[in-house]
Amino acid sequence: MATVLPQDTPIRRASIGDMTLEQVLALVEQMQERRMRQHTLYEAAMAAKAKIKEVKDKERFEHLLRMTEKKLKTIDTNLESVGKYLNELKVLELVLGGANG
């Protein structure tokens, strides 16, 4: 049979001094159960927050990868252009060197 705890009302507050040992133990057990439920909810909230953070971190990581890829393509394009200019300079150097010599 469940232990009946004294009624706690705004007018008549329950007092541990008025409770039997069995009632005090039942009250403590209820408090522990409530605390565990709250802790379980807290852990679930923290896990959800961690997942959101992971998703944001993953999105940031993927964004940085895309930006890096874009910059690398730009660098490759620029290096190709520089290579073409250098080849033209070499040709002009040969032409000008041959015209002077």
N, C-alpha and C. Protein backbone atom coordinates (compact mmCIF):
# COMPACT_ATOMS: atom_id res chain seq x y z
N MET A 1 0.84 -1.18 0.00
CA MET A 1 0.00 0.00 0.00
C MET A 1 0.89 1.24 0.00
N ALA A 2 0.54 2.21 -0.81
CA ALA A 2 1.34 3.43 -0.94
C ALA A 2 1.20 4.28 0.32
N THR A 3 2.31 4.92 0.67
CA THR A 3 2.31 5.80 1.83
C THR A 3 1.63 7.11 1.47
N VAL A 4 0.69 7.51 2.31
CA VAL A 4 -0.02 8.77 2.09
C VAL A 4 0.75 9.87 2.80
N LEU A 5 1.13 10.89 2.03
CA LEU A 5 1.85 12.03 2.61
C LEU A 5 0.85 13.08 3.07
N PRO A 6 1.21 13.84 4.11
CA PRO A 6 0.31 14.91 4.56
C PRO A 6 0.09 15.91 3.43
N GLN A 7 -1.08 16.46 3.37
CA GLN A 7 -1.41 17.45 2.36
C GLN A 7 -0.63 18.74 2.62
N ASP A 8 -0.03 19.26 1.55
CA ASP A 8 0.72 20.51 1.63
C ASP A 8 -0.09 21.55 0.90
N THR A 9 -0.72 22.43 1.64
CA THR A 9 -1.54 23.48 1.04
C THR A 9 -0.96 24.83 1.41
N PRO A 10 -1.32 25.89 0.69
CA PRO A 10 -0.81 27.22 1.04
C PRO A 10 -1.19 27.64 2.46
N ILE A 11 -2.32 27.13 2.94
CA ILE A 11 -2.76 27.50 4.29
C ILE A 11 -2.08 26.62 5.34
N ARG A 12 -2.05 25.34 5.08
CA ARG A 12 -1.44 24.41 6.03
C ARG A 12 -0.27 23.72 5.33
N ARG A 13 0.94 24.18 5.63
CA ARG A 13 2.15 23.61 5.03
C ARG A 13 2.49 22.30 5.71
N ALA A 14 2.86 21.31 4.92
CA ALA A 14 3.27 20.02 5.47
C ALA A 14 4.63 20.19 6.13
N SER A 15 4.82 19.53 7.23
CA SER A 15 6.08 19.63 7.96
C SER A 15 6.65 18.23 8.16
N ILE A 16 7.94 18.11 7.92
CA ILE A 16 8.58 16.82 8.14
C ILE A 16 8.44 16.39 9.59
N GLY A 17 8.40 17.35 10.50
CA GLY A 17 8.23 17.02 11.92
C GLY A 17 6.91 16.35 12.22
N ASP A 18 5.91 16.56 11.37
CA ASP A 18 4.59 15.96 11.58
C ASP A 18 4.46 14.62 10.89
N MET A 19 5.48 14.22 10.13
CA MET A 19 5.41 12.98 9.35
C MET A 19 6.02 11.83 10.12
N THR A 20 5.53 10.64 9.77
CA THR A 20 6.15 9.43 10.31
C THR A 20 7.41 9.16 9.51
N LEU A 21 8.26 8.30 9.99
CA LEU A 21 9.49 7.94 9.27
C LEU A 21 9.15 7.37 7.90
N GLU A 22 8.13 6.56 7.84
CA GLU A 22 7.71 5.97 6.57
C GLU A 22 7.30 7.07 5.58
N GLN A 23 6.59 8.09 6.05
CA GLN A 23 6.18 9.20 5.19
C GLN A 23 7.38 10.03 4.73
N VAL A 24 8.33 10.24 5.62
CA VAL A 24 9.54 10.99 5.25
C VAL A 24 10.31 10.23 4.18
N LEU A 25 10.46 8.93 4.37
CA LEU A 25 11.16 8.11 3.37
C LEU A 25 10.43 8.13 2.03
N ALA A 26 9.11 8.09 2.06
CA ALA A 26 8.33 8.17 0.82
C ALA A 26 8.51 9.52 0.15
N LEU A 27 8.54 10.58 0.94
CA LEU A 27 8.75 11.93 0.39
C LEU A 27 10.12 12.04 -0.27
N VAL A 28 11.14 11.52 0.40
CA VAL A 28 12.49 11.55 -0.16
C VAL A 28 12.56 10.74 -1.45
N GLU A 29 11.88 9.60 -1.47
CA GLU A 29 11.86 8.76 -2.67
C GLU A 29 11.19 9.51 -3.83
N GLN A 30 10.09 10.21 -3.53
CA GLN A 30 9.42 11.00 -4.57
C GLN A 30 10.33 12.11 -5.09
N MET A 31 11.06 12.73 -4.19
CA MET A 31 11.98 13.80 -4.60
C MET A 31 13.09 13.23 -5.48
N GLN A 32 13.60 12.05 -5.11
CA GLN A 32 14.65 11.43 -5.91
C GLN A 32 14.14 11.06 -7.30
N GLU A 33 12.92 10.52 -7.35
CA GLU A 33 12.34 10.16 -8.65
C GLU A 33 12.13 11.40 -9.51
N ARG A 34 11.65 12.47 -8.89
CA ARG A 34 11.45 13.72 -9.63
C ARG A 34 12.78 14.26 -10.15
N ARG A 35 13.80 14.20 -9.31
CA ARG A 35 15.13 14.67 -9.70
C ARG A 35 15.66 13.83 -10.86
N MET A 36 15.46 12.53 -10.82
CA MET A 36 15.93 11.67 -11.91
C MET A 36 15.20 12.00 -13.21
N ARG A 37 13.89 12.25 -13.13
CA ARG A 37 13.14 12.63 -14.34
C ARG A 37 13.68 13.95 -14.89
N GLN A 38 13.94 14.90 -14.01
CA GLN A 38 14.48 16.19 -14.46
C GLN A 38 15.87 16.01 -15.07
N HIS A 39 16.68 15.17 -14.44
CA HIS A 39 18.03 14.94 -14.96
C HIS A 39 17.97 14.26 -16.32
N THR A 40 17.04 13.32 -16.46
CA THR A 40 16.88 12.64 -17.75
C THR A 40 16.47 13.63 -18.83
N LEU A 41 15.55 14.53 -18.50
CA LEU A 41 15.15 15.56 -19.47
C LEU A 41 16.31 16.49 -19.80
N TYR A 42 17.10 16.84 -18.79
CA TYR A 42 18.26 17.69 -19.00
C TYR A 42 19.26 17.01 -19.93
N GLU A 43 19.54 15.73 -19.66
CA GLU A 43 20.48 15.00 -20.52
C GLU A 43 19.98 14.93 -21.96
N ALA A 44 18.67 14.73 -22.13
CA ALA A 44 18.10 14.69 -23.48
C ALA A 44 18.26 16.04 -24.16
N ALA A 45 18.04 17.12 -23.41
CA ALA A 45 18.20 18.46 -23.98
C ALA A 45 19.65 18.72 -24.35
N MET A 46 20.58 18.30 -23.51
CA MET A 46 22.00 18.51 -23.81
C MET A 46 22.42 17.67 -25.01
N ALA A 47 21.88 16.47 -25.14
CA ALA A 47 22.20 15.64 -26.30
C ALA A 47 21.67 16.28 -27.57
N ALA A 48 20.46 16.84 -27.49
CA ALA A 48 19.90 17.53 -28.65
C ALA A 48 20.74 18.75 -29.00
N LYS A 49 21.17 19.49 -27.99
CA LYS A 49 22.02 20.66 -28.23
C LYS A 49 23.34 20.23 -28.86
N ALA A 50 23.91 19.14 -28.36
CA ALA A 50 25.17 18.64 -28.93
C ALA A 50 24.99 18.26 -30.39
N LYS A 51 23.86 17.65 -30.73
CA LYS A 51 23.62 17.29 -32.12
C LYS A 51 23.46 18.53 -32.98
N ILE A 52 22.78 19.53 -32.45
CA ILE A 52 22.63 20.78 -33.20
C ILE A 52 24.00 21.39 -33.43
N LYS A 53 24.83 21.38 -32.41
CA LYS A 53 26.18 21.92 -32.54
C LYS A 53 26.95 21.12 -33.57
N GLU A 54 26.82 19.80 -33.53
CA GLU A 54 27.52 18.97 -34.49
C GLU A 54 27.05 19.28 -35.90
N VAL A 55 25.76 19.47 -36.08
CA VAL A 55 25.22 19.80 -37.40
C VAL A 55 25.78 21.14 -37.85
N LYS A 56 25.80 22.13 -36.94
CA LYS A 56 26.36 23.43 -37.30
C LYS A 56 27.84 23.30 -37.63
N ASP A 57 28.56 22.52 -36.83
CA ASP A 57 29.98 22.32 -37.11
C ASP A 57 30.16 21.61 -38.44
N LYS A 58 29.30 20.62 -38.70
CA LYS A 58 29.40 19.89 -39.97
C LYS A 58 29.10 20.82 -41.13
N GLU A 59 28.06 21.65 -40.98
CA GLU A 59 27.73 22.60 -42.03
C GLU A 59 28.87 23.58 -42.24
N ARG A 60 29.47 24.05 -41.16
CA ARG A 60 30.61 24.98 -41.25
C ARG A 60 31.78 24.30 -41.94
N PHE A 61 32.04 23.05 -41.57
CA PHE A 61 33.13 22.28 -42.17
C PHE A 61 32.91 22.12 -43.67
N GLU A 62 31.68 21.73 -44.04
CA GLU A 62 31.37 21.56 -45.46
C GLU A 62 31.46 22.88 -46.21
N HIS A 63 31.03 23.97 -45.57
CA HIS A 63 31.14 25.30 -46.19
C HIS A 63 32.61 25.64 -46.43
N LEU A 64 33.45 25.39 -45.44
CA LEU A 64 34.88 25.69 -45.60
C LEU A 64 35.50 24.82 -46.69
N LEU A 65 35.05 23.58 -46.78
CA LEU A 65 35.54 22.72 -47.86
C LEU A 65 35.16 23.28 -49.23
N ARG A 66 33.91 23.72 -49.36
CA ARG A 66 33.46 24.30 -50.63
C ARG A 66 34.26 25.56 -50.96
N MET A 67 34.47 26.41 -49.97
CA MET A 67 35.23 27.64 -50.18
C MET A 67 36.67 27.32 -50.56
N THR A 68 37.25 26.35 -49.89
CA THR A 68 38.62 25.94 -50.20
C THR A 68 38.71 25.42 -51.62
N GLU A 69 37.75 24.58 -52.00
CA GLU A 69 37.72 24.03 -53.36
C GLU A 69 37.61 25.16 -54.39
N LYS A 70 36.76 26.12 -54.10
CA LYS A 70 36.59 27.27 -55.01
C LYS A 70 37.90 28.04 -55.14
N LYS A 71 38.55 28.31 -54.01
CA LYS A 71 39.82 29.06 -54.04
C LYS A 71 40.90 28.26 -54.76
N LEU A 72 40.91 26.95 -54.56
CA LEU A 72 41.90 26.12 -55.26
C LEU A 72 41.68 26.16 -56.78
N LYS A 73 40.42 26.15 -57.20
CA LYS A 73 40.14 26.26 -58.63
C LYS A 73 40.61 27.61 -59.16
N THR A 74 40.39 28.66 -58.37
CA THR A 74 40.85 30.00 -58.76
C THR A 74 42.36 30.02 -58.87
N ILE A 75 43.04 29.41 -57.91
CA ILE A 75 44.50 29.35 -57.95
C ILE A 75 44.96 28.59 -59.19
N ASP A 76 44.31 27.44 -59.49
CA ASP A 76 44.69 26.66 -60.68
C ASP A 76 44.51 27.49 -61.95
N THR A 77 43.39 28.20 -62.03
CA THR A 77 43.13 29.05 -63.20
C THR A 77 44.20 30.13 -63.30
N ASN A 78 44.53 30.77 -62.18
CA ASN A 78 45.55 31.82 -62.18
C ASN A 78 46.93 31.26 -62.54
N LEU A 79 47.25 30.08 -62.04
CA LEU A 79 48.54 29.46 -62.38
C LEU A 79 48.63 29.14 -63.87
N GLU A 80 47.51 28.69 -64.44
CA GLU A 80 47.50 28.44 -65.89
C GLU A 80 47.74 29.74 -66.65
N SER A 81 47.11 30.81 -66.22
CA SER A 81 47.30 32.11 -66.88
C SER A 81 48.74 32.57 -66.75
N VAL A 82 49.30 32.43 -65.56
CA VAL A 82 50.70 32.82 -65.34
C VAL A 82 51.61 31.98 -66.22
N GLY A 83 51.32 30.69 -66.32
CA GLY A 83 52.12 29.81 -67.18
C GLY A 83 52.07 30.26 -68.63
N LYS A 84 50.90 30.65 -69.11
CA LYS A 84 50.77 31.13 -70.49
C LYS A 84 51.56 32.41 -70.69
N TYR A 85 51.47 33.34 -69.72
CA TYR A 85 52.23 34.60 -69.82
C TYR A 85 53.72 34.32 -69.83
N LEU A 86 54.16 33.40 -68.98
CA LEU A 86 55.60 33.08 -68.94
C LEU A 86 56.06 32.48 -70.26
N ASN A 87 55.22 31.61 -70.85
CA ASN A 87 55.58 31.03 -72.15
C ASN A 87 55.67 32.11 -73.22
N GLU A 88 54.74 33.06 -73.23
CA GLU A 88 54.79 34.16 -74.19
C GLU A 88 56.04 35.01 -73.97
N LEU A 89 56.40 35.26 -72.72
CA LEU A 89 57.61 36.02 -72.42
C LEU A 89 58.85 35.30 -72.94
N LYS A 90 58.88 33.98 -72.77
CA LYS A 90 60.03 33.21 -73.27
C LYS A 90 60.13 33.33 -74.79
N VAL A 91 58.97 33.21 -75.45
CA VAL A 91 58.96 33.32 -76.92
C VAL A 91 59.42 34.71 -77.33
N LEU A 92 58.90 35.76 -76.68
CA LEU A 92 59.32 37.12 -77.02
C LEU A 92 60.80 37.32 -76.74
N GLU A 93 61.28 36.74 -75.64
CA GLU A 93 62.71 36.86 -75.33
C GLU A 93 63.56 36.24 -76.43
N LEU A 94 63.12 35.09 -76.93
CA LEU A 94 63.86 34.43 -78.02
C LEU A 94 63.79 35.28 -79.29
N VAL A 95 62.60 35.80 -79.58
CA VAL A 95 62.43 36.62 -80.78
C VAL A 95 63.26 37.89 -80.66
N LEU A 96 63.18 38.56 -79.52
CA LEU A 96 63.92 39.79 -79.34
C LEU A 96 65.43 39.51 -79.26
N GLY A 97 65.79 38.44 -78.62
CA GLY A 97 67.20 38.09 -78.53
C GLY A 97 67.76 37.75 -79.91
N GLY A 98 66.95 37.09 -80.73
CA GLY A 98 67.38 36.74 -82.06
C GLY A 98 67.45 37.95 -82.98
N ALA A 99 66.56 38.95 -82.74
CA ALA A 99 66.55 40.15 -83.56
C ALA A 99 67.75 41.02 -83.19
N ASN A 100 68.17 41.02 -81.94
CA ASN A 100 69.29 41.83 -81.50
C ASN A 100 70.62 41.16 -81.81
N GLY A 101 70.64 39.87 -81.94
CA GLY A 101 71.90 39.17 -82.07
C GLY A 101 72.22 38.84 -83.41
